């Protein structure tokens, strides 16, 4: 009797697997379905729902040790009110497409994880009219031995959503792209690239737009080139951007509003603890308007360059630049061959070497340049009109200043002491 029951259970399981396979091959998932697919040691595995509408469904795909793996879900259809979990492990090539090529993801929770693959990409809301709306997307690529790519809202849109993207322990190039030739609106995005050994790039609002969104981007513990681009030949509006590049060897670059626009936004950038070169460029050949900008560079052993309004315009902004414990050459340029208008500029140099601050073509602006306990610091202010400026150098060795070509401008300069004198003063406390 028990043998018959076991036989019936086996037949039922085979029938269920056969039914699921048929449903998947037909490419249609109707309402209120639950599908679980586990594949081990397979080659050229393809799971497709390319033109179907996935609605009110739960889908779980787990593929292990497959040579080439592709998952297509609602490529030309819609994923609506569904829970989807895809996990791909130990694949030579792992690809996931969701809501691409005129497809959409709406009101859904999606978790994608790719581990130990030679090359990987995850695409969501990519392609003409591709869209992600009112959804939570978790995408992770870890232990990749080839290029890793996460794309969201490329030539499409991401709206009213939460995005979490992680690329970790990658031994090839790592790319996170959002709103490229498309848009990111009313969205919170957290993008992390950690422990990479190739080029690391986070691109947002490139030839597209980022609006009413919060974007948090971190590149950490990497070796190679690091790049964060936002609003390049595109726009960033009414948004908060928080970027950090830390613990790296190589070159890092943060670009914002380059040949594009940044408006009514908060920009926080930090580059810390590195050996190599670091650059922060804002409003270069573009515009940054009505925004609050905070840039910090700390514990650097290499060259640092911060540029604002170079061959472009920075207007009605408050800008804070701070450089601390920099032992290489540091240059801050504002309005060089461009314009800085109606702004408040605060530049702080602390415990650093070989620093130059240059301000040119500045109109109706308040400027505060401070150098504390630094060596070989130069401050150059030229072509200022309607400017109130303050230059303070305390405990500095090798401080020089150049101030000329002024109109309707007041400049207050205070240079006091050297490192030895102020060491004695601080010893009194």
Foldseek 3Di string as FASTA:
>chain_A
DVVVVVVVVVVVVVVVVVVLVVCQVVLEADADEEEEEEEEQEEPAEGHNACYEAENYEYEYEYEQYAEYEYYHQQQEEYYLYEYEYEYEQYQEYEYEEQHDNGEYYNYEYEYEYENYAEYEYEAQAYAAREYELYEYEEEYEHYNEEYEYEYFHNHEYELYEYEYEYENYAYEYEYEYFHVGEYENYEYEYEYEQYEEEYEYEYFACGEYYLYEYEYEYEQYEYEYEYEYFHVGEYELYEYHYEYENYEEEYEYEEFHCGEYENYEYHYEYEHYEYEYEYEYFANGEYELYEYEYEYENYEYEYEYEYFHCGEYENYEYEYEYYQAEYAYEYEYQHNGEYECYEYEYEYYNYENYEYEYARYELYEEEYEYELYEQYEYEYEHYENYEYEYEYEQYHNYYYHYDHYYNYHYHYYYDDHVVVVVVVVVVD
